[in-house]
C-alpha atoms as a PDB file:
ATOM      1  CA  UNK A   1       9.784   9.112 -25.642  1.00  0.00           C
ATOM      2  CA  UNK A   2      10.177   6.461 -22.697  1.00  0.00           C
ATOM      3  CA  UNK A   3       6.879   4.732 -22.078  1.00  0.00           C
ATOM      4  CA  UNK A   4       7.329   2.850 -18.496  1.00  0.00           C
ATOM      5  CA  UNK A   5       4.136   1.109 -17.693  1.00  0.00           C
ATOM      6  CA  UNK A   6       2.966  -1.101 -14.618  1.00  0.00           C
ATOM      7  CA  UNK A   7       0.131  -3.510 -14.710  1.00  0.00           C
ATOM      8  CA  UNK A   8      -0.170  -3.402 -18.671  1.00  0.00           C
ATOM      9  CA  UNK A   9      -2.206  -6.308 -19.673  1.00  0.00           C
ATOM     10  CA  UNK A  10      -1.030  -8.383 -22.664  1.00  0.00           C
ATOM     11  CA  UNK A  11      -1.488  -6.696 -25.889  1.00  0.00           C
ATOM     12  CA  UNK A  12      -2.549  -3.301 -24.502  1.00  0.00           C
ATOM     13  CA  UNK A  13      -0.804  -0.140 -25.193  1.00  0.00           C
ATOM     14  CA  UNK A  14      -0.344   1.389 -21.802  1.00  0.00           C
ATOM     15  CA  UNK A  15      -0.724   0.096 -18.124  1.00  0.00           C
ATOM     16  CA  UNK A  16      -3.054   1.353 -15.272  1.00  0.00           C
ATOM     17  CA  UNK A  17      -2.602   2.402 -12.043  1.00  0.00           C
ATOM     18  CA  UNK A  18      -2.532   0.233  -8.824  1.00  0.00           C
ATOM     19  CA  UNK A  19      -5.458   2.500  -7.273  1.00  0.00           C
ATOM     20  CA  UNK A  20      -7.438   2.499 -10.466  1.00  0.00           C
ATOM     21  CA  UNK A  21      -9.743  -0.498  -9.326  1.00  0.00           C
ATOM     22  CA  UNK A  22     -10.651   1.289  -6.092  1.00  0.00           C
ATOM     23  CA  UNK A  23     -11.674   4.459  -7.413  1.00  0.00           C
ATOM     24  CA  UNK A  24     -15.685   3.743  -7.964  1.00  0.00           C
ATOM     25  CA  UNK A  25     -15.613   1.968  -4.653  1.00  0.00           C
ATOM     26  CA  UNK A  26     -14.221   4.776  -2.691  1.00  0.00           C
ATOM     27  CA  UNK A  27     -16.657   6.837  -4.424  1.00  0.00           C
ATOM     28  CA  UNK A  28     -19.405   4.553  -3.209  1.00  0.00           C
ATOM     29  CA  UNK A  29     -18.205   4.584   0.148  1.00  0.00           C
ATOM     30  CA  UNK A  30     -18.137   8.312   0.320  1.00  0.00           C
ATOM     31  CA  UNK A  31     -21.880   8.710  -1.090  1.00  0.00           C
ATOM     32  CA  UNK A  32     -22.875   5.752   1.407  1.00  0.00           C
ATOM     33  CA  UNK A  33     -20.880   7.857   4.356  1.00  0.00           C
ATOM     34  CA  UNK A  34     -22.737  11.045   3.272  1.00  0.00           C
ATOM     35  CA  UNK A  35     -26.346   9.593   3.165  1.00  0.00           C
ATOM     36  CA  UNK A  36     -26.011   8.154   6.761  1.00  0.00           C
ATOM     37  CA  UNK A  37     -25.135  11.472   8.065  1.00  0.00           C
ATOM     38  CA  UNK A  38     -27.742  13.188   6.056  1.00  0.00           C
ATOM     39  CA  UNK A  39     -30.374  10.514   7.186  1.00  0.00           C
ATOM     40  CA  UNK A  40     -29.141  10.565  10.799  1.00  0.00           C
ATOM     41  CA  UNK A  41     -29.660  14.577  10.823  1.00  0.00           C
ATOM     42  CA  UNK A  42     -33.204  14.467   9.576  1.00  0.00           C
ATOM     43  CA  UNK A  43     -34.307  11.798  11.802  1.00  0.00           C
ATOM     44  CA  UNK A  44     -32.777  13.795  14.993  1.00  0.00           C
ATOM     45  CA  UNK A  45     -34.660  16.882  13.827  1.00  0.00           C
ATOM     46  CA  UNK A  46     -38.072  14.799  13.408  1.00  0.00           C
ATOM     47  CA  UNK A  47     -38.442  15.613  17.058  1.00  0.00           C
ATOM     48  CA  UNK A  48     -39.646  19.404  16.036  1.00  0.00           C
ATOM     49  CA  UNK A  49     -42.302  21.694  17.515  1.00  0.00           C
ATOM     50  CA  UNK A  50     -45.632  21.450  15.725  1.00  0.00           C
ATOM     51  CA  UNK A  51     -47.140  24.745  16.179  1.00  0.00           C
ATOM     52  CA  UNK A  52     -51.018  25.016  15.221  1.00  0.00           C
ATOM     53  CA  UNK A  53     -52.539  28.532  15.014  1.00  0.00           C
ATOM     54  CA  UNK A  54     -56.469  28.436  14.828  1.00  0.00           C
ATOM     55  CA  UNK A  55     -56.035  32.410  13.147  1.00  0.00           C
ATOM     56  CA  UNK A  56     -55.073  32.286   9.678  1.00  0.00           C
ATOM     57  CA  UNK A  57     -53.936  35.870   9.970  1.00  0.00           C
ATOM     58  CA  UNK A  58     -51.496  35.069  12.918  1.00  0.00           C
ATOM     59  CA  UNK A  59     -50.432  31.750  10.754  1.00  0.00           C
ATOM     60  CA  UNK A  60     -49.357  34.363   7.779  1.00  0.00           C
ATOM     61  CA  UNK A  61     -47.639  36.516  10.390  1.00  0.00           C
ATOM     62  CA  UNK A  62     -45.721  33.623  11.765  1.00  0.00           C
ATOM     63  CA  UNK A  63     -44.645  31.837   8.614  1.00  0.00           C
ATOM     64  CA  UNK A  64     -43.499  35.475   7.561  1.00  0.00           C
ATOM     65  CA  UNK A  65     -41.096  35.647  10.692  1.00  0.00           C
ATOM     66  CA  UNK A  66     -39.808  32.173   9.874  1.00  0.00           C
ATOM     67  CA  UNK A  67     -39.961  32.686   5.936  1.00  0.00           C
ATOM     68  CA  UNK A  68     -35.988  33.578   5.939  1.00  0.00           C
ATOM     69  CA  UNK A  69     -35.105  30.809   8.419  1.00  0.00           C
ATOM     70  CA  UNK A  70     -34.993  27.191   7.657  1.00  0.00           C
ATOM     71  CA  UNK A  71     -37.751  25.868   9.645  1.00  0.00           C
ATOM     72  CA  UNK A  72     -35.988  22.575   9.996  1.00  0.00           C
ATOM     73  CA  UNK A  73     -33.139  24.218  11.685  1.00  0.00           C
ATOM     74  CA  UNK A  74     -34.875  25.803  14.403  1.00  0.00           C
ATOM     75  CA  UNK A  75     -37.163  22.619  14.872  1.00  0.00           C
ATOM     76  CA  UNK A  76     -40.522  24.730  14.359  1.00  0.00           C
ATOM     77  CA  UNK A  77     -43.511  23.948  11.829  1.00  0.00           C
ATOM     78  CA  UNK A  78     -46.389  26.386  11.794  1.00  0.00           C
ATOM     79  CA  UNK A  79     -49.554  25.476  10.011  1.00  0.00           C
ATOM     80  CA  UNK A  80     -53.158  26.674  10.264  1.00  0.00           C
ATOM     81  CA  UNK A  81     -56.337  24.739  10.895  1.00  0.00           C
ATOM     82  CA  UNK A  82     -56.784  23.297   7.795  1.00  0.00           C
ATOM     83  CA  UNK A  83     -53.353  21.597   7.358  1.00  0.00           C
ATOM     84  CA  UNK A  84     -51.754  19.033   8.846  1.00  0.00           C
ATOM     85  CA  UNK A  85     -48.220  17.791   9.014  1.00  0.00           C
ATOM     86  CA  UNK A  86     -46.970  14.290   9.184  1.00  0.00           C
ATOM     87  CA  UNK A  87     -43.605  13.543   9.615  1.00  0.00           C
ATOM     88  CA  UNK A  88     -42.102  10.002   8.527  1.00  0.00           C
ATOM     89  CA  UNK A  89     -40.234   7.447  10.773  1.00  0.00           C
ATOM     90  CA  UNK A  90     -36.772   7.322   9.369  1.00  0.00           C
ATOM     91  CA  UNK A  91     -35.085   3.870  10.733  1.00  0.00           C
ATOM     92  CA  UNK A  92     -31.381   4.085  10.595  1.00  0.00           C
ATOM     93  CA  UNK A  93     -30.655   0.720  11.414  1.00  0.00           C
ATOM     94  CA  UNK A  94     -27.129   1.232  12.468  1.00  0.00           C
ATOM     95  CA  UNK A  95     -26.617  -2.307  13.467  1.00  0.00           C
ATOM     96  CA  UNK A  96     -26.804  -3.256   9.668  1.00  0.00           C
ATOM     97  CA  UNK A  97     -25.034  -0.273   8.406  1.00  0.00           C
ATOM     98  CA  UNK A  98     -22.203  -1.464  10.313  1.00  0.00           C
ATOM     99  CA  UNK A  99     -21.787  -4.437   8.327  1.00  0.00           C
ATOM    100  CA  UNK A 100     -22.381  -2.551   4.914  1.00  0.00           C
ATOM    101  CA  UNK A 101     -19.340  -0.275   5.815  1.00  0.00           C
ATOM    102  CA  UNK A 102     -17.045  -2.840   6.722  1.00  0.00           C
ATOM    103  CA  UNK A 103     -17.598  -4.741   3.341  1.00  0.00           C
ATOM    104  CA  UNK A 104     -17.239  -1.230   1.526  1.00  0.00           C
ATOM    105  CA  UNK A 105     -13.607  -0.917   3.334  1.00  0.00           C
ATOM    106  CA  UNK A 106     -12.692  -4.172   2.827  1.00  0.00           C
ATOM    107  CA  UNK A 107     -13.073  -3.537  -1.073  1.00  0.00           C
ATOM    108  CA  UNK A 108     -11.069  -0.860  -0.866  1.00  0.00           C
ATOM    109  CA  UNK A 109      -8.266  -2.623   1.287  1.00  0.00           C
ATOM    110  CA  UNK A 110      -8.439  -5.640  -1.276  1.00  0.00           C
ATOM    111  CA  UNK A 111      -7.847  -3.306  -4.334  1.00  0.00           C
ATOM    112  CA  UNK A 112      -5.030  -1.325  -2.581  1.00  0.00           C
ATOM    113  CA  UNK A 113      -3.392  -4.745  -1.493  1.00  0.00           C
ATOM    114  CA  UNK A 114      -3.532  -3.632   2.115  1.00  0.00           C
ATOM    115  CA  UNK A 115      -5.077  -5.291   5.342  1.00  0.00           C
ATOM    116  CA  UNK A 116      -7.842  -3.420   7.212  1.00  0.00           C
ATOM    117  CA  UNK A 117      -5.391  -2.588  10.011  1.00  0.00           C
ATOM    118  CA  UNK A 118      -3.538  -0.332   7.737  1.00  0.00           C
ATOM    119  CA  UNK A 119      -7.013   1.649   7.800  1.00  0.00           C
ATOM    120  CA  UNK A 120      -6.689   2.048  11.450  1.00  0.00           C
ATOM    121  CA  UNK A 121      -9.215  -0.686  11.826  1.00  0.00           C
ATOM    122  CA  UNK A 122      -7.625  -3.208  14.118  1.00  0.00           C
ATOM    123  CA  UNK A 123     -11.164  -5.165  15.291  1.00  0.00           C
ATOM    124  CA  UNK A 124      -9.958  -8.227  16.899  1.00  0.00           C
ATOM    125  CA  UNK A 125      -6.677  -8.682  15.021  1.00  0.00           C
ATOM    126  CA  UNK A 126      -3.844  -9.268  17.317  1.00  0.00           C
ATOM    127  CA  UNK A 127      -0.022  -8.919  16.696  1.00  0.00           C
ATOM    128  CA  UNK A 128       0.814 -12.210  15.149  1.00  0.00           C
ATOM    129  CA  UNK A 129      -2.281 -11.873  12.757  1.00  0.00           C
ATOM    130  CA  UNK A 130      -1.594  -8.327  11.920  1.00  0.00           C
ATOM    131  CA  UNK A 131       2.164  -9.569  10.951  1.00  0.00           C
ATOM    132  CA  UNK A 132       0.943 -12.356   8.928  1.00  0.00           C
ATOM    133  CA  UNK A 133      -1.443 -10.030   7.015  1.00  0.00           C
ATOM    134  CA  UNK A 134       1.185  -7.564   6.421  1.00  0.00           C
ATOM    135  CA  UNK A 135       3.813  -9.462   4.680  1.00  0.00           C
ATOM    136  CA  UNK A 136       1.744  -9.546   1.303  1.00  0.00           C
ATOM    137  CA  UNK A 137       1.505  -5.741   1.702  1.00  0.00           C
ATOM    138  CA  UNK A 138       5.247  -5.223   2.214  1.00  0.00           C
ATOM    139  CA  UNK A 139       6.197  -7.645  -0.660  1.00  0.00           C
ATOM    140  CA  UNK A 140       3.841  -5.632  -2.831  1.00  0.00           C
ATOM    141  CA  UNK A 141       5.078  -2.367  -1.933  1.00  0.00           C
ATOM    142  CA  UNK A 142       8.706  -3.624  -2.162  1.00  0.00           C
ATOM    143  CA  UNK A 143       8.180  -4.701  -5.556  1.00  0.00           C
ATOM    144  CA  UNK A 144       6.772  -1.507  -6.801  1.00  0.00           C
ATOM    145  CA  UNK A 145       9.727   0.296  -5.225  1.00  0.00           C
ATOM    146  CA  UNK A 146      12.085  -1.890  -7.240  1.00  0.00           C
ATOM    147  CA  UNK A 147      10.050  -1.162 -10.250  1.00  0.00           C
ATOM    148  CA  UNK A 148       9.922   2.555  -9.567  1.00  0.00           C
ATOM    149  CA  UNK A 149      13.993   2.777  -9.227  1.00  0.00           C
ATOM    150  CA  UNK A 150      14.436   0.540 -12.538  1.00  0.00           C
ATOM    151  CA  UNK A 151      12.209   3.261 -14.278  1.00  0.00           C
ATOM    152  CA  UNK A 152      14.383   5.918 -12.820  1.00  0.00           C
ATOM    153  CA  UNK A 153      17.620   4.157 -13.616  1.00  0.00           C
ATOM    154  CA  UNK A 154      16.276   3.428 -17.101  1.00  0.00           C
ATOM    155  CA  UNK A 155      15.289   7.083 -17.442  1.00  0.00           C
ATOM    156  CA  UNK A 156      18.856   8.551 -16.157  1.00  0.00           C
ATOM    157  CA  UNK A 157      20.555   6.294 -18.564  1.00  0.00           C
ATOM    158  CA  UNK A 158      18.482   7.136 -21.531  1.00  0.00           C
ATOM    159  CA  UNK A 159      18.953  10.966 -20.571  1.00  0.00           C
ATOM    160  CA  UNK A 160      23.014  10.398 -20.498  1.00  0.00           C
ATOM    161  CA  UNK A 161      23.120   8.403 -23.516  1.00  0.00           C
ATOM    162  CA  UNK A 162      21.374  11.373 -25.414  1.00  0.00           C
ATOM    163  CA  UNK A 163      23.737  13.668 -23.962  1.00  0.00           C
ATOM    164  CA  UNK A 164      26.499  11.729 -25.129  1.00  0.00           C
ATOM    165  CA  UNK A 165      24.859  11.555 -28.583  1.00  0.00           C
ATOM    166  CA  UNK A 166      25.243  15.235 -28.772  1.00  0.00           C
ATOM    167  CA  UNK A 167      28.720  15.436 -27.804  1.00  0.00           C
ATOM    168  CA  UNK A 168      28.127  16.658 -24.431  1.00  0.00           C
ATOM    169  CA  UNK A 169      29.371  13.835 -22.679  1.00  0.00           C
ATOM    170  CA  UNK A 170      31.434  10.774 -23.342  1.00  0.00           C
ATOM    171  CA  UNK A 171      30.130   6.899 -22.623  1.00  0.00           C
ATOM    172  CA  UNK A 172      32.365   4.673 -20.831  1.00  0.00           C
ATOM    173  CA  UNK A 173      34.251   2.055 -23.355  1.00  0.00           C
ATOM    174  CA  UNK A 174      31.936  -0.807 -22.679  1.00  0.00           C
ATOM    175  CA  UNK A 175      28.976   1.285 -22.930  1.00  0.00           C
ATOM    176  CA  UNK A 176      28.075   0.494 -19.450  1.00  0.00           C
ATOM    177  CA  UNK A 177      27.086   3.303 -17.122  1.00  0.00           C
ATOM    178  CA  UNK A 178      27.222   1.265 -14.171  1.00  0.00           C
ATOM    179  CA  UNK A 179      24.252   2.837 -12.650  1.00  0.00           C
ATOM    180  CA  UNK A 180      23.316   1.637  -9.177  1.00  0.00           C
ATOM    181  CA  UNK A 181      20.286   2.494  -6.850  1.00  0.00           C
ATOM    182  CA  UNK A 182      19.438   1.816  -3.106  1.00  0.00           C
ATOM    183  CA  UNK A 183      16.056   2.554  -1.196  1.00  0.00           C
ATOM    184  CA  UNK A 184      14.891   2.380   2.340  1.00  0.00           C
ATOM    185  CA  UNK A 185      13.572  -1.242   3.310  1.00  0.00           C
ATOM    186  CA  UNK A 186       9.706  -1.469   3.413  1.00  0.00           C
ATOM    187  CA  UNK A 187       9.535  -3.749   6.164  1.00  0.00           C
ATOM    188  CA  UNK A 188      12.468  -3.502   8.786  1.00  0.00           C
ATOM    189  CA  UNK A 189      10.873  -5.999  10.922  1.00  0.00           C
ATOM    190  CA  UNK A 190      12.407  -8.579   8.789  1.00  0.00           C
ATOM    191  CA  UNK A 191      15.858  -7.796   9.373  1.00  0.00           C
ATOM    192  CA  UNK A 192      16.332 -10.134  12.520  1.00  0.00           C
ATOM    193  CA  UNK A 193      14.747 -13.093  10.821  1.00  0.00           C
ATOM    194  CA  UNK A 194      16.758 -12.115   7.689  1.00  0.00           C
ATOM    195  CA  UNK A 195      19.936 -12.287   9.975  1.00  0.00           C
ATOM    196  CA  UNK A 196      19.180 -15.704  11.529  1.00  0.00           C
ATOM    197  CA  UNK A 197      18.250 -17.162   7.931  1.00  0.00           C
ATOM    198  CA  UNK A 198      21.901 -15.776   6.623  1.00  0.00           C
ATOM    199  CA  UNK A 199      23.736 -17.314   9.885  1.00  0.00           C
ATOM    200  CA  UNK A 200      22.194 -20.577   9.552  1.00  0.00           C
ATOM    201  CA  UNK A 201      22.563 -20.820   5.747  1.00  0.00           C
ATOM    202  CA  UNK A 202      26.277 -19.633   6.037  1.00  0.00           C
ATOM    203  CA  UNK A 203      26.775 -22.242   8.533  1.00  0.00           C
ATOM    204  CA  UNK A 204      25.228 -25.149   6.450  1.00  0.00           C
ATOM    205  CA  UNK A 205      26.791 -23.721   3.059  1.00  0.00           C
ATOM    206  CA  UNK A 206      30.487 -23.950   4.814  1.00  0.00           C
ATOM    207  CA  UNK A 207      30.133 -27.719   5.736  1.00  0.00           C
ATOM    208  CA  UNK A 208      28.313 -28.240   2.526  1.00  0.00           C
ATOM    209  CA  UNK A 209      31.409 -26.571   0.530  1.00  0.00           C
ATOM    210  CA  UNK A 210      33.943 -28.798   2.956  1.00  0.00           C
ATOM    211  CA  UNK A 211      32.112 -32.119   1.679  1.00  0.00           C
ATOM    212  CA  UNK A 212      32.257 -30.825  -1.919  1.00  0.00           C
ATOM    213  CA  UNK A 213      28.455 -30.632  -2.300  1.00  0.00           C
ATOM    214  CA  UNK A 214      28.292 -27.253  -3.840  1.00  0.00           C
ATOM    215  CA  UNK A 215      30.826 -25.039  -5.548  1.00  0.00           C
ATOM    216  CA  UNK A 216      31.598 -21.430  -4.279  1.00  0.00           C
ATOM    217  CA  UNK A 217      29.572 -19.450  -6.738  1.00  0.00           C
ATOM    218  CA  UNK A 218      26.485 -21.602  -5.426  1.00  0.00           C
ATOM    219  CA  UNK A 219      27.296 -20.936  -1.900  1.00  0.00           C
ATOM    220  CA  UNK A 220      27.594 -17.057  -2.220  1.00  0.00           C
ATOM    221  CA  UNK A 221      24.493 -16.870  -4.087  1.00  0.00           C
ATOM    222  CA  UNK A 222      22.385 -19.061  -1.717  1.00  0.00           C
ATOM    223  CA  UNK A 223      23.741 -17.041   1.235  1.00  0.00           C
ATOM    224  CA  UNK A 224      23.196 -13.559  -0.009  1.00  0.00           C
ATOM    225  CA  UNK A 225      19.692 -14.879  -1.172  1.00  0.00           C
ATOM    226  CA  UNK A 226      18.667 -15.713   2.173  1.00  0.00           C
ATOM    227  CA  UNK A 227      20.125 -12.500   3.512  1.00  0.00           C
ATOM    228  CA  UNK A 228      17.607 -10.811   1.562  1.00  0.00           C
ATOM    229  CA  UNK A 229      20.129  -9.773  -0.904  1.00  0.00           C
ATOM    230  CA  UNK A 230      20.139 -11.667  -4.198  1.00  0.00           C
ATOM    231  CA  UNK A 231      23.204 -10.878  -6.342  1.00  0.00           C
ATOM    232  CA  UNK A 232      23.486 -11.381 -10.169  1.00  0.00           C
ATOM    233  CA  UNK A 233      26.180 -13.415 -11.788  1.00  0.00           C
ATOM    234  CA  UNK A 234      28.841 -10.556 -12.206  1.00  0.00           C
ATOM    235  CA  UNK A 235      28.479  -9.478  -8.440  1.00  0.00           C
ATOM    236  CA  UNK A 236      28.742 -13.062  -7.254  1.00  0.00           C
ATOM    237  CA  UNK A 237      32.042 -13.125  -9.572  1.00  0.00           C
ATOM    238  CA  UNK A 238      33.432  -9.806  -8.453  1.00  0.00           C
ATOM    239  CA  UNK A 239      33.325 -11.305  -4.501  1.00  0.00           C
ATOM    240  CA  UNK A 240      34.632 -14.274  -5.431  1.00  0.00           C
ATOM    241  CA  UNK A 241      37.775 -12.566  -7.102  1.00  0.00           C
ATOM    242  CA  UNK A 242      38.305 -10.379  -4.159  1.00  0.00           C
ATOM    243  CA  UNK A 243      37.850 -13.142  -1.633  1.00  0.00           C
ATOM    244  CA  UNK A 244      41.394 -14.705  -0.210  1.00  0.00           C
ATOM    245  CA  UNK A 245      42.013 -18.160  -1.598  1.00  0.00           C
ATOM    246  CA  UNK A 246      41.958 -20.772   1.148  1.00  0.00           C
ATOM    247  CA  UNK A 247      45.454 -22.188   1.584  1.00  0.00           C
ATOM    248  CA  UNK A 248      45.593 -25.940   1.305  1.00  0.00           C
ATOM    249  CA  UNK A 249      47.164 -27.776   4.510  1.00  0.00           C
ATOM    250  CA  UNK A 250      50.370 -28.936   4.144  1.00  0.00           C
ATOM    251  CA  UNK A 251      51.847 -32.106   5.578  1.00  0.00           C
ATOM    252  CA  UNK A 252      54.205 -31.367   8.557  1.00  0.00           C
ATOM    253  CA  UNK A 253      57.419 -32.791   8.253  1.00  0.00           C
ATOM    254  CA  UNK A 254      58.302 -35.920  10.351  1.00  0.00           C
ATOM    255  CA  UNK A 255      60.417 -35.116  13.162  1.00  0.00           C
ATOM    256  CA  UNK A 256      63.761 -37.081  13.178  1.00  0.00           C
ATOM    257  CA  UNK A 257      64.528 -39.003  16.426  1.00  0.00           C
END
């Protein structure tokens, strides 16, 4: 059995999900919202019709008519001469509840590594602020995407090796399955900035290489790193092996008079 875990503390056997910390706060927010709606409903129906009947026989008859119905639903309450009804004043304090709800939503957003505008709550956030707030979220989801892809790659590799152990397949001579994966970019808005960074760093590295400050391996690694696609040593070596070798300039023959 393969155990692939994220968020695993040191010394722990298993990890935990990314949304596990916010589950209690999601329950609290749901209960808080339900209580607000329930209290507002009761407060609205406090303006009910208070019917006072002097004859006890008529009181019993009227109560019998409303016995199968909820008096709060119809806004009618019947009582006799010896009874008194008193309704409490329920103050909702919506101005204070707004801040309470925002604090709970902040707890949910912080636990999920997202900003409030991802929950449809823009408030006074402009485009520049939302872009800066979204960068940590994009990095987090990119990391999780890469981890999930590596998990699937490890799972496929182990499945094929077990198939080969049963004699149903044959492993390569070097044992390398050469598995690779690609995924859709999480933040596509960064492509323009990455292209500009790659262009600038390539121009700078070309001059540095011409002056002998860096070698080809370092130049290729830095160029792809600024382009947002860091490569391993084997990939860099393969690119350099396929690249055409620069020709050394030859001295032109001196023309004879």
